[in-house]
N, C-alpha and C. Protein backbone atom coordinates (compact mmCIF):
# COMPACT_ATOMS: atom_id res chain seq x y z
N UNK A 1 22.56 -6.19 -3.90
CA UNK A 1 22.76 -4.88 -4.38
C UNK A 1 24.28 -4.66 -4.58
N UNK A 2 24.37 -4.29 -5.61
CA UNK A 2 25.84 -3.87 -6.21
C UNK A 2 26.27 -2.38 -6.26
N UNK A 3 27.42 -1.92 -6.06
CA UNK A 3 27.82 -0.47 -6.12
C UNK A 3 28.67 -0.47 -7.30
N UNK A 4 28.48 0.72 -8.09
CA UNK A 4 29.54 0.85 -9.14
C UNK A 4 30.05 2.57 -9.04
N UNK A 5 30.95 2.98 -9.37
CA UNK A 5 31.43 4.34 -9.48
C UNK A 5 30.95 4.78 -11.14
N UNK A 6 30.64 6.07 -10.94
CA UNK A 6 29.91 6.86 -12.25
C UNK A 6 31.17 6.46 -13.58
N UNK A 7 32.48 6.38 -13.13
CA UNK A 7 33.38 6.16 -14.33
C UNK A 7 33.43 4.87 -14.64
N UNK A 8 33.19 4.00 -13.86
CA UNK A 8 33.12 2.48 -14.17
C UNK A 8 31.82 2.34 -15.16
N UNK A 9 30.81 2.77 -14.61
CA UNK A 9 29.34 2.76 -15.29
C UNK A 9 29.58 3.33 -16.55
N UNK A 10 30.24 4.46 -16.92
CA UNK A 10 30.34 4.95 -18.27
C UNK A 10 31.03 4.13 -19.11
N UNK A 11 32.04 3.31 -18.63
CA UNK A 11 32.83 2.33 -19.46
C UNK A 11 32.09 1.20 -19.83
N UNK A 12 30.94 0.66 -18.71
CA UNK A 12 30.38 -0.76 -18.93
C UNK A 12 28.79 -0.48 -18.77
N UNK A 13 28.38 0.42 -19.33
CA UNK A 13 26.92 0.51 -18.98
C UNK A 13 25.85 -0.59 -19.41
N UNK A 14 26.01 -1.36 -20.28
CA UNK A 14 25.31 -2.18 -20.70
C UNK A 14 25.34 -3.48 -19.68
N UNK A 15 26.53 -3.45 -19.18
CA UNK A 15 26.90 -4.53 -18.27
C UNK A 15 25.91 -4.28 -16.94
N UNK A 16 26.12 -3.05 -16.32
CA UNK A 16 25.17 -2.91 -15.23
C UNK A 16 23.82 -2.85 -15.30
N UNK A 17 23.25 -2.15 -16.72
CA UNK A 17 21.93 -2.10 -17.03
C UNK A 17 21.54 -3.56 -16.87
N UNK A 18 21.97 -4.41 -17.53
CA UNK A 18 21.82 -5.96 -17.43
C UNK A 18 21.60 -6.53 -15.72
N UNK A 19 22.67 -6.27 -15.36
CA UNK A 19 22.78 -6.73 -13.72
C UNK A 19 21.36 -6.09 -13.06
N UNK A 20 21.24 -4.92 -13.27
CA UNK A 20 19.97 -4.24 -12.63
C UNK A 20 18.70 -4.82 -13.13
N UNK A 21 18.90 -5.27 -14.39
CA UNK A 21 17.53 -5.78 -14.80
C UNK A 21 17.28 -7.19 -14.62
N UNK A 22 18.44 -8.06 -14.57
CA UNK A 22 18.28 -9.38 -14.39
C UNK A 22 18.54 -9.88 -12.85
N UNK A 23 19.33 -9.21 -12.39
CA UNK A 23 19.90 -9.70 -10.90
C UNK A 23 19.55 -8.83 -9.69
N UNK A 24 19.99 -7.60 -9.63
CA UNK A 24 19.69 -6.98 -8.55
C UNK A 24 19.87 -5.11 -8.80
N UNK A 25 19.62 -4.58 -7.66
CA UNK A 25 19.63 -3.16 -7.80
C UNK A 25 21.37 -2.78 -8.11
N UNK A 26 21.55 -1.56 -8.54
CA UNK A 26 22.93 -1.09 -8.70
C UNK A 26 22.92 0.32 -8.31
N UNK A 27 23.70 0.38 -7.10
CA UNK A 27 23.59 1.88 -6.67
C UNK A 27 25.13 2.49 -7.52
N UNK A 28 24.76 3.60 -8.00
CA UNK A 28 25.82 4.42 -8.73
C UNK A 28 26.37 5.54 -7.69
N UNK A 29 27.77 5.36 -7.51
CA UNK A 29 28.26 6.52 -6.75
C UNK A 29 29.28 7.56 -7.52
N UNK A 30 29.28 8.43 -6.77
CA UNK A 30 30.37 9.60 -7.31
C UNK A 30 30.98 10.11 -6.19
N UNK A 31 32.27 10.15 -6.23
CA UNK A 31 33.04 10.74 -5.31
C UNK A 31 33.00 9.87 -3.90
N UNK A 32 32.31 8.71 -4.16
CA UNK A 32 32.39 7.81 -2.71
C UNK A 32 30.97 8.03 -2.16
N UNK A 33 30.02 8.68 -2.84
CA UNK A 33 28.76 8.90 -2.28
C UNK A 33 27.54 8.24 -3.31
N UNK A 34 26.63 7.82 -2.62
CA UNK A 34 25.34 7.55 -3.49
C UNK A 34 24.90 8.62 -4.37
N UNK A 35 24.58 8.18 -5.77
CA UNK A 35 24.45 9.41 -6.57
C UNK A 35 23.14 9.09 -7.47
N UNK A 36 22.93 7.64 -7.63
CA UNK A 36 21.85 7.26 -8.53
C UNK A 36 21.57 5.80 -8.41
N UNK A 37 20.30 5.42 -8.58
CA UNK A 37 20.08 3.85 -8.37
C UNK A 37 19.63 3.38 -9.82
N UNK A 38 20.22 2.09 -10.12
CA UNK A 38 19.59 1.45 -11.58
C UNK A 38 18.82 0.34 -10.81
N UNK A 39 17.43 0.25 -11.22
CA UNK A 39 16.76 -0.95 -10.91
C UNK A 39 15.74 -1.37 -12.29
N UNK A 40 15.21 -2.54 -12.07
CA UNK A 40 14.40 -2.90 -13.15
C UNK A 40 12.94 -2.58 -13.04
N UNK A 41 12.17 -2.19 -13.94
CA UNK A 41 10.99 -1.49 -13.75
C UNK A 41 10.44 -1.93 -15.06
N UNK A 42 9.20 -2.48 -14.98
CA UNK A 42 8.34 -2.69 -16.18
C UNK A 42 7.28 -1.78 -16.51
N UNK A 43 6.28 -2.13 -17.31
CA UNK A 43 5.38 -1.11 -17.85
C UNK A 43 4.42 -0.61 -16.90
N UNK A 44 3.72 -1.44 -15.90
CA UNK A 44 2.95 -1.05 -15.00
C UNK A 44 3.72 -0.17 -13.86
N UNK A 45 4.69 -0.93 -13.53
CA UNK A 45 5.75 0.08 -12.53
C UNK A 45 6.10 1.37 -13.03
N UNK A 46 6.31 1.60 -14.40
CA UNK A 46 6.80 2.62 -14.90
C UNK A 46 5.41 3.90 -14.78
N UNK A 47 4.11 3.27 -15.00
CA UNK A 47 2.87 4.09 -15.20
C UNK A 47 3.08 4.62 -13.77
N UNK A 48 2.94 3.87 -12.75
CA UNK A 48 2.84 4.00 -11.26
C UNK A 48 3.89 5.05 -10.84
N UNK A 49 5.28 5.00 -11.27
CA UNK A 49 6.36 5.91 -10.89
C UNK A 49 5.74 7.24 -11.33
N UNK A 50 5.49 7.28 -12.91
CA UNK A 50 5.30 8.55 -13.45
C UNK A 50 4.26 9.24 -12.79
N UNK A 51 2.97 8.50 -12.36
CA UNK A 51 1.88 8.99 -11.57
C UNK A 51 2.54 9.49 -10.31
N UNK A 52 2.86 8.98 -9.54
CA UNK A 52 3.31 9.07 -8.25
C UNK A 52 4.29 10.24 -8.24
N UNK A 53 5.26 10.40 -9.10
CA UNK A 53 6.53 11.30 -9.05
C UNK A 53 6.30 12.62 -9.87
N UNK A 54 5.59 12.48 -11.03
CA UNK A 54 5.81 13.58 -11.71
C UNK A 54 3.92 14.17 -12.08
N UNK A 55 3.31 13.77 -11.69
CA UNK A 55 1.90 14.49 -11.97
C UNK A 55 1.31 15.29 -10.58
N UNK A 56 2.19 15.11 -9.41
CA UNK A 56 1.79 16.06 -8.41
C UNK A 56 0.46 15.52 -7.81
N UNK A 57 0.31 14.15 -7.81
CA UNK A 57 -1.08 13.95 -7.38
C UNK A 57 -1.37 14.07 -6.14
N UNK A 58 -0.45 14.25 -5.20
CA UNK A 58 -0.47 14.44 -3.62
C UNK A 58 -0.76 16.00 -3.61
N UNK A 59 -0.38 16.86 -4.12
CA UNK A 59 -0.69 17.96 -4.06
C UNK A 59 -2.13 18.41 -4.69
N UNK A 60 -2.36 17.79 -5.67
CA UNK A 60 -3.88 17.95 -6.24
C UNK A 60 -4.94 17.18 -5.38
N UNK A 61 -4.40 16.22 -4.72
CA UNK A 61 -5.39 15.63 -3.79
C UNK A 61 -5.47 16.59 -2.37
N UNK A 62 -4.68 17.00 -2.07
CA UNK A 62 -4.77 18.00 -0.98
C UNK A 62 -5.58 19.30 -1.28
N UNK A 63 -5.37 19.69 -2.67
CA UNK A 63 -6.14 20.97 -3.18
C UNK A 63 -7.75 20.63 -3.26
N UNK A 64 -7.66 19.31 -3.67
CA UNK A 64 -9.08 18.94 -3.73
C UNK A 64 -9.79 18.87 -2.35
N UNK A 65 -9.18 18.05 -1.42
CA UNK A 65 -9.85 18.09 -0.03
C UNK A 65 -9.97 19.44 0.42
N UNK A 66 -9.27 20.50 0.24
CA UNK A 66 -9.53 21.65 0.74
C UNK A 66 -10.70 22.23 0.19
N UNK A 67 -10.71 22.17 -1.21
CA UNK A 67 -11.98 22.61 -1.98
C UNK A 67 -13.11 22.03 -1.49
N UNK A 68 -13.37 20.76 -1.23
CA UNK A 68 -14.41 20.10 -0.58
C UNK A 68 -14.85 20.56 0.62
N UNK A 69 -13.67 20.79 1.41
CA UNK A 69 -14.04 21.49 2.95
C UNK A 69 -14.35 22.58 2.88
N UNK A 70 -14.19 23.53 1.73
CA UNK A 70 -14.72 24.82 2.04
C UNK A 70 -15.91 25.18 1.00
N UNK A 71 -16.62 23.71 0.84
CA UNK A 71 -17.72 24.09 -0.05
C UNK A 71 -17.78 24.49 -1.56
N UNK A 72 -16.54 24.39 -2.24
CA UNK A 72 -16.28 24.74 -3.75
C UNK A 72 -16.69 23.46 -4.43
N UNK A 73 -17.04 22.44 -4.08
CA UNK A 73 -17.20 21.05 -5.04
C UNK A 73 -18.66 20.88 -4.84
N UNK A 74 -18.99 20.01 -5.70
CA UNK A 74 -20.42 19.22 -5.76
C UNK A 74 -20.24 17.85 -5.83
N UNK A 75 -21.23 17.22 -5.38
CA UNK A 75 -21.14 15.68 -5.38
C UNK A 75 -21.58 15.22 -6.75
N UNK A 76 -21.56 14.12 -7.25
CA UNK A 76 -21.77 13.64 -8.69
C UNK A 76 -23.37 13.76 -8.98
N UNK A 77 -24.20 13.58 -7.83
CA UNK A 77 -25.62 13.56 -8.33
C UNK A 77 -25.81 14.97 -8.61
N UNK A 78 -25.27 15.89 -7.96
CA UNK A 78 -25.64 17.39 -8.21
C UNK A 78 -24.82 17.66 -9.58
N UNK A 79 -23.76 17.32 -10.14
CA UNK A 79 -23.10 17.44 -11.44
C UNK A 79 -24.27 16.84 -12.42
N UNK A 80 -24.59 15.57 -12.31
CA UNK A 80 -25.67 15.33 -13.35
C UNK A 80 -26.68 15.97 -13.37
N UNK A 81 -27.41 16.56 -12.16
CA UNK A 81 -28.49 17.27 -12.37
C UNK A 81 -28.17 18.32 -13.27
N UNK A 82 -27.06 18.98 -12.90
CA UNK A 82 -26.70 20.18 -13.85
C UNK A 82 -26.60 19.92 -15.32
N UNK A 83 -26.26 18.71 -15.68
CA UNK A 83 -25.83 18.34 -16.93
C UNK A 83 -27.15 18.15 -17.57
N UNK A 84 -28.40 17.49 -16.90
CA UNK A 84 -29.58 17.45 -17.60
C UNK A 84 -30.25 18.45 -17.62
N UNK A 85 -29.95 19.58 -16.90
CA UNK A 85 -30.51 20.92 -17.19
C UNK A 85 -30.14 21.63 -18.43
N UNK A 86 -28.95 21.36 -18.54
CA UNK A 86 -28.30 22.25 -19.77
C UNK A 86 -28.61 21.31 -21.16
């Protein structure tokens, strides 16, 4: 793991992105404190990251659990029956 301050990162961005991609994670510091993290990511990891961090899946899951427990949902068989009736 390598550390770089934000000023040095701005001077040599390509260098540190390359290090993060080919060698190891780079922790960016600001005023001596951790500020950001550069790390390698591929397409599959990006998809997982976006789903986990930006689609509120955990909140949606908890909402769905609550709806199920309160009888506000139906199972797949009931749904298919409703669709067939329409």
